[in-house]
N, C-alpha and C. Protein backbone atom coordinates (compact mmCIF):
# COMPACT_ATOMS: atom_id res chain seq x y z
N MET A 1 -11.22 -5.47 6.58
CA MET A 1 -11.70 -5.91 7.86
C MET A 1 -11.34 -4.87 8.92
N GLU A 2 -12.33 -4.37 9.60
CA GLU A 2 -12.09 -3.41 10.66
C GLU A 2 -11.87 -4.14 11.97
N THR A 3 -10.98 -3.63 12.78
CA THR A 3 -10.74 -4.24 14.08
C THR A 3 -11.30 -3.34 15.16
N LYS A 4 -11.80 -3.96 16.18
CA LYS A 4 -12.29 -3.22 17.34
C LYS A 4 -11.11 -2.95 18.25
N ARG A 5 -11.24 -1.98 19.13
CA ARG A 5 -10.14 -1.60 20.01
C ARG A 5 -9.59 -2.76 20.83
N ASN A 6 -10.45 -3.64 21.29
CA ASN A 6 -9.98 -4.70 22.16
C ASN A 6 -9.52 -5.94 21.38
N GLU A 7 -9.66 -5.95 20.06
CA GLU A 7 -9.18 -7.06 19.25
C GLU A 7 -7.72 -6.85 18.91
N LYS A 8 -6.98 -7.94 18.82
CA LYS A 8 -5.58 -7.86 18.42
C LYS A 8 -5.51 -7.87 16.90
N VAL A 9 -4.59 -7.10 16.36
CA VAL A 9 -4.37 -7.05 14.92
C VAL A 9 -3.44 -8.18 14.54
N ASP A 10 -3.77 -8.90 13.49
CA ASP A 10 -2.90 -9.97 12.99
C ASP A 10 -1.69 -9.32 12.33
N PRO A 11 -0.48 -9.49 12.89
CA PRO A 11 0.70 -8.82 12.34
C PRO A 11 1.12 -9.33 10.97
N THR A 12 0.59 -10.48 10.56
CA THR A 12 0.97 -11.03 9.26
C THR A 12 -0.03 -10.67 8.17
N GLU A 13 -1.16 -10.08 8.55
CA GLU A 13 -2.19 -9.73 7.56
C GLU A 13 -1.71 -8.57 6.69
N VAL A 14 -1.69 -8.80 5.40
CA VAL A 14 -1.26 -7.77 4.45
C VAL A 14 -2.50 -7.09 3.90
N LYS A 15 -2.47 -5.76 3.88
CA LYS A 15 -3.56 -4.96 3.32
C LYS A 15 -3.01 -4.18 2.14
N TYR A 16 -3.90 -3.69 1.30
CA TYR A 16 -3.48 -3.03 0.06
C TYR A 16 -4.21 -1.71 -0.12
N ARG A 17 -3.52 -0.80 -0.79
CA ARG A 17 -4.12 0.47 -1.21
C ARG A 17 -3.68 0.71 -2.64
N HIS A 18 -4.63 1.00 -3.51
CA HIS A 18 -4.35 1.28 -4.91
C HIS A 18 -4.58 2.76 -5.17
N ILE A 19 -3.61 3.41 -5.77
CA ILE A 19 -3.72 4.83 -6.11
C ILE A 19 -3.63 4.93 -7.62
N ARG A 20 -4.65 5.49 -8.22
CA ARG A 20 -4.74 5.54 -9.68
C ARG A 20 -4.41 6.92 -10.22
N ASN A 21 -4.00 6.96 -11.47
CA ASN A 21 -3.76 8.21 -12.18
C ASN A 21 -5.07 8.69 -12.80
N TYR A 22 -5.12 9.98 -13.10
CA TYR A 22 -6.29 10.57 -13.76
C TYR A 22 -5.87 11.10 -15.13
N ASP A 23 -6.81 11.05 -16.07
CA ASP A 23 -6.51 11.58 -17.40
C ASP A 23 -6.83 13.07 -17.45
N PHE A 24 -6.71 13.66 -18.64
CA PHE A 24 -6.90 15.11 -18.80
C PHE A 24 -8.34 15.56 -18.53
N ASN A 25 -9.29 14.64 -18.62
CA ASN A 25 -10.69 14.97 -18.36
C ASN A 25 -11.07 14.80 -16.88
N GLY A 26 -10.13 14.34 -16.07
CA GLY A 26 -10.40 14.11 -14.65
C GLY A 26 -10.95 12.73 -14.36
N ASP A 27 -11.00 11.86 -15.37
CA ASP A 27 -11.46 10.49 -15.18
C ASP A 27 -10.29 9.60 -14.78
N ILE A 28 -10.59 8.48 -14.12
CA ILE A 28 -9.54 7.54 -13.74
C ILE A 28 -8.95 6.94 -15.01
N SER A 29 -7.63 7.00 -15.12
CA SER A 29 -6.93 6.47 -16.28
C SER A 29 -6.67 4.98 -16.10
N ASN A 30 -6.68 4.24 -17.19
CA ASN A 30 -6.32 2.82 -17.11
C ASN A 30 -4.81 2.63 -17.22
N ARG A 31 -4.06 3.71 -17.32
CA ARG A 31 -2.61 3.68 -17.45
C ARG A 31 -1.94 4.11 -16.15
N GLY A 32 -0.86 3.42 -15.79
CA GLY A 32 -0.08 3.80 -14.62
C GLY A 32 -0.84 3.65 -13.31
N GLY A 33 -0.18 3.96 -12.21
CA GLY A 33 -0.78 3.87 -10.89
C GLY A 33 0.20 3.27 -9.89
N ILE A 34 -0.24 3.17 -8.65
CA ILE A 34 0.61 2.67 -7.57
C ILE A 34 -0.20 1.69 -6.72
N THR A 35 0.45 0.61 -6.30
CA THR A 35 -0.14 -0.31 -5.32
C THR A 35 0.78 -0.34 -4.11
N ILE A 36 0.18 -0.20 -2.92
CA ILE A 36 0.93 -0.22 -1.68
C ILE A 36 0.46 -1.43 -0.88
N ALA A 37 1.41 -2.28 -0.47
CA ALA A 37 1.14 -3.40 0.43
C ALA A 37 1.66 -2.99 1.80
N TYR A 38 0.87 -3.21 2.84
CA TYR A 38 1.31 -2.83 4.17
C TYR A 38 0.77 -3.77 5.23
N ARG A 39 1.44 -3.79 6.36
CA ARG A 39 1.00 -4.57 7.51
C ARG A 39 1.41 -3.84 8.78
N GLU A 40 0.78 -4.22 9.89
CA GLU A 40 1.00 -3.57 11.17
C GLU A 40 1.54 -4.60 12.16
N PRO A 41 2.89 -4.77 12.23
CA PRO A 41 3.45 -5.79 13.12
C PRO A 41 3.17 -5.53 14.60
N ASN A 42 3.03 -4.26 14.98
CA ASN A 42 2.59 -3.91 16.33
C ASN A 42 1.85 -2.58 16.25
N SER A 43 1.35 -2.10 17.38
CA SER A 43 0.43 -0.96 17.36
C SER A 43 1.04 0.35 16.86
N ASN A 44 2.35 0.52 16.91
CA ASN A 44 2.95 1.77 16.46
C ASN A 44 4.00 1.59 15.37
N THR A 45 3.89 0.53 14.62
CA THR A 45 4.83 0.27 13.53
C THR A 45 4.07 -0.18 12.29
N ILE A 46 4.42 0.43 11.17
CA ILE A 46 3.85 0.05 9.87
C ILE A 46 4.99 -0.35 8.96
N GLU A 47 4.84 -1.49 8.30
CA GLU A 47 5.78 -1.91 7.26
C GLU A 47 5.04 -1.81 5.94
N PHE A 48 5.69 -1.23 4.92
CA PHE A 48 5.02 -1.12 3.63
C PHE A 48 6.02 -1.21 2.49
N ALA A 49 5.50 -1.51 1.31
CA ALA A 49 6.29 -1.56 0.08
C ALA A 49 5.40 -1.10 -1.06
N VAL A 50 6.03 -0.56 -2.09
CA VAL A 50 5.29 0.07 -3.19
C VAL A 50 5.63 -0.60 -4.51
N ALA A 51 4.61 -0.76 -5.35
CA ALA A 51 4.80 -1.20 -6.73
C ALA A 51 4.22 -0.11 -7.62
N ARG A 52 5.03 0.41 -8.52
CA ARG A 52 4.58 1.46 -9.45
C ARG A 52 4.37 0.87 -10.83
N CYS A 53 3.25 1.21 -11.43
CA CYS A 53 2.94 0.78 -12.79
C CYS A 53 3.41 1.89 -13.74
N ASN A 54 4.14 1.51 -14.76
CA ASN A 54 4.62 2.47 -15.76
C ASN A 54 3.42 3.17 -16.40
N PRO A 55 3.47 4.48 -16.60
CA PRO A 55 2.34 5.21 -17.20
C PRO A 55 1.98 4.74 -18.61
N SER A 56 2.85 4.01 -19.26
CA SER A 56 2.51 3.48 -20.59
C SER A 56 1.87 2.10 -20.52
N ASP A 57 1.78 1.51 -19.32
CA ASP A 57 1.19 0.18 -19.15
C ASP A 57 -0.20 0.27 -18.55
N ASN A 58 -1.03 -0.72 -18.84
CA ASN A 58 -2.35 -0.83 -18.21
C ASN A 58 -2.18 -1.19 -16.75
N PHE A 59 -2.94 -0.52 -15.87
CA PHE A 59 -2.89 -0.79 -14.44
C PHE A 59 -3.55 -2.13 -14.15
N SER A 60 -2.90 -2.95 -13.33
CA SER A 60 -3.44 -4.25 -12.92
C SER A 60 -3.33 -4.37 -11.41
N ARG A 61 -4.47 -4.43 -10.73
CA ARG A 61 -4.46 -4.60 -9.28
C ARG A 61 -3.77 -5.91 -8.90
N LYS A 62 -4.04 -6.95 -9.66
CA LYS A 62 -3.47 -8.27 -9.37
C LYS A 62 -1.95 -8.22 -9.44
N MET A 63 -1.39 -7.69 -10.51
CA MET A 63 0.06 -7.61 -10.64
C MET A 63 0.66 -6.67 -9.60
N GLY A 64 -0.02 -5.57 -9.31
CA GLY A 64 0.45 -4.65 -8.28
C GLY A 64 0.54 -5.32 -6.92
N ARG A 65 -0.48 -6.13 -6.58
CA ARG A 65 -0.47 -6.86 -5.31
C ARG A 65 0.67 -7.88 -5.26
N ILE A 66 0.88 -8.59 -6.35
CA ILE A 66 1.95 -9.60 -6.39
C ILE A 66 3.31 -8.93 -6.18
N ILE A 67 3.57 -7.86 -6.91
CA ILE A 67 4.87 -7.18 -6.82
C ILE A 67 5.05 -6.51 -5.45
N ALA A 68 4.03 -5.79 -5.00
CA ALA A 68 4.14 -5.08 -3.71
C ALA A 68 4.28 -6.06 -2.55
N THR A 69 3.58 -7.19 -2.58
CA THR A 69 3.70 -8.19 -1.52
C THR A 69 5.10 -8.81 -1.52
N GLY A 70 5.63 -9.10 -2.70
CA GLY A 70 7.00 -9.62 -2.78
C GLY A 70 7.99 -8.64 -2.20
N ARG A 71 7.81 -7.38 -2.47
CA ARG A 71 8.70 -6.35 -1.93
C ARG A 71 8.52 -6.18 -0.43
N LEU A 72 7.29 -6.32 0.04
CA LEU A 72 7.03 -6.23 1.48
C LEU A 72 7.76 -7.34 2.23
N ASN A 73 7.87 -8.49 1.63
CA ASN A 73 8.54 -9.63 2.25
C ASN A 73 10.05 -9.61 2.05
N SER A 74 10.56 -8.60 1.35
CA SER A 74 11.99 -8.47 1.09
C SER A 74 12.57 -7.37 1.97
N VAL A 75 13.63 -7.66 2.68
CA VAL A 75 14.27 -6.67 3.55
C VAL A 75 14.79 -5.49 2.73
N ASN A 76 15.21 -5.73 1.50
CA ASN A 76 15.78 -4.66 0.67
C ASN A 76 14.76 -3.65 0.19
N TRP A 77 13.51 -4.04 0.04
CA TRP A 77 12.48 -3.14 -0.51
C TRP A 77 11.52 -2.60 0.54
N ARG A 78 11.42 -3.25 1.68
CA ARG A 78 10.43 -2.89 2.70
C ARG A 78 10.85 -1.63 3.45
N GLU A 79 9.88 -0.76 3.71
CA GLU A 79 10.08 0.44 4.53
C GLU A 79 9.36 0.23 5.85
N THR A 80 9.93 0.73 6.93
CA THR A 80 9.31 0.62 8.25
C THR A 80 9.15 2.03 8.82
N LEU A 81 7.96 2.32 9.31
CA LEU A 81 7.67 3.63 9.90
C LEU A 81 7.16 3.45 11.32
N ASN A 82 7.55 4.34 12.19
CA ASN A 82 7.04 4.34 13.56
C ASN A 82 5.87 5.32 13.63
N MET A 83 4.71 4.82 13.30
CA MET A 83 3.49 5.62 13.37
C MET A 83 2.30 4.69 13.49
N SER A 84 1.20 5.23 13.91
CA SER A 84 -0.01 4.42 14.07
C SER A 84 -0.64 4.16 12.70
N PHE A 85 -1.55 3.21 12.69
CA PHE A 85 -2.27 2.86 11.46
C PHE A 85 -3.04 4.06 10.93
N GLY A 86 -3.66 4.83 11.83
CA GLY A 86 -4.42 6.01 11.42
C GLY A 86 -3.55 7.08 10.79
N GLU A 87 -2.37 7.31 11.37
CA GLU A 87 -1.43 8.28 10.81
C GLU A 87 -0.96 7.84 9.42
N PHE A 88 -0.70 6.54 9.29
CA PHE A 88 -0.25 6.01 8.00
C PHE A 88 -1.32 6.24 6.94
N HIS A 89 -2.57 5.92 7.27
CA HIS A 89 -3.65 6.10 6.29
C HIS A 89 -3.85 7.57 5.93
N ALA A 90 -3.72 8.45 6.90
CA ALA A 90 -3.91 9.87 6.65
C ALA A 90 -2.82 10.45 5.76
N ASN A 91 -1.63 9.87 5.80
CA ASN A 91 -0.48 10.40 5.07
C ASN A 91 0.01 9.50 3.95
N ILE A 92 -0.74 8.49 3.58
CA ILE A 92 -0.26 7.47 2.66
C ILE A 92 0.21 8.04 1.31
N GLN A 93 -0.50 9.01 0.77
CA GLN A 93 -0.12 9.55 -0.53
C GLN A 93 1.13 10.42 -0.45
N ASN A 94 1.43 10.97 0.71
CA ASN A 94 2.62 11.78 0.88
C ASN A 94 3.87 10.93 1.10
N LEU A 95 3.68 9.66 1.45
CA LEU A 95 4.80 8.79 1.78
C LEU A 95 5.41 8.11 0.59
N VAL A 96 4.66 8.02 -0.52
CA VAL A 96 5.18 7.30 -1.70
C VAL A 96 5.64 8.25 -2.78
């Protein structure tokens, strides 16, 4: 869901990004990968948590979302960054 400039962002809305591994042929592998759960509590703060799938396991978006969301709701696993949503998206692969 895209928000317009004058709309307020729901600080409790969790969004997801899935990053997949590639095999030797350059195709998306069904093994391993990363799921990132994140939310924007205010305009310059991003909270996120990561779930990594073992390279020997089949990647599951559903399980990745469950684990990453649980970690996002845990103070011990959650990371907080002072950056805008756009900066977070531009640098997401460098952050994990």
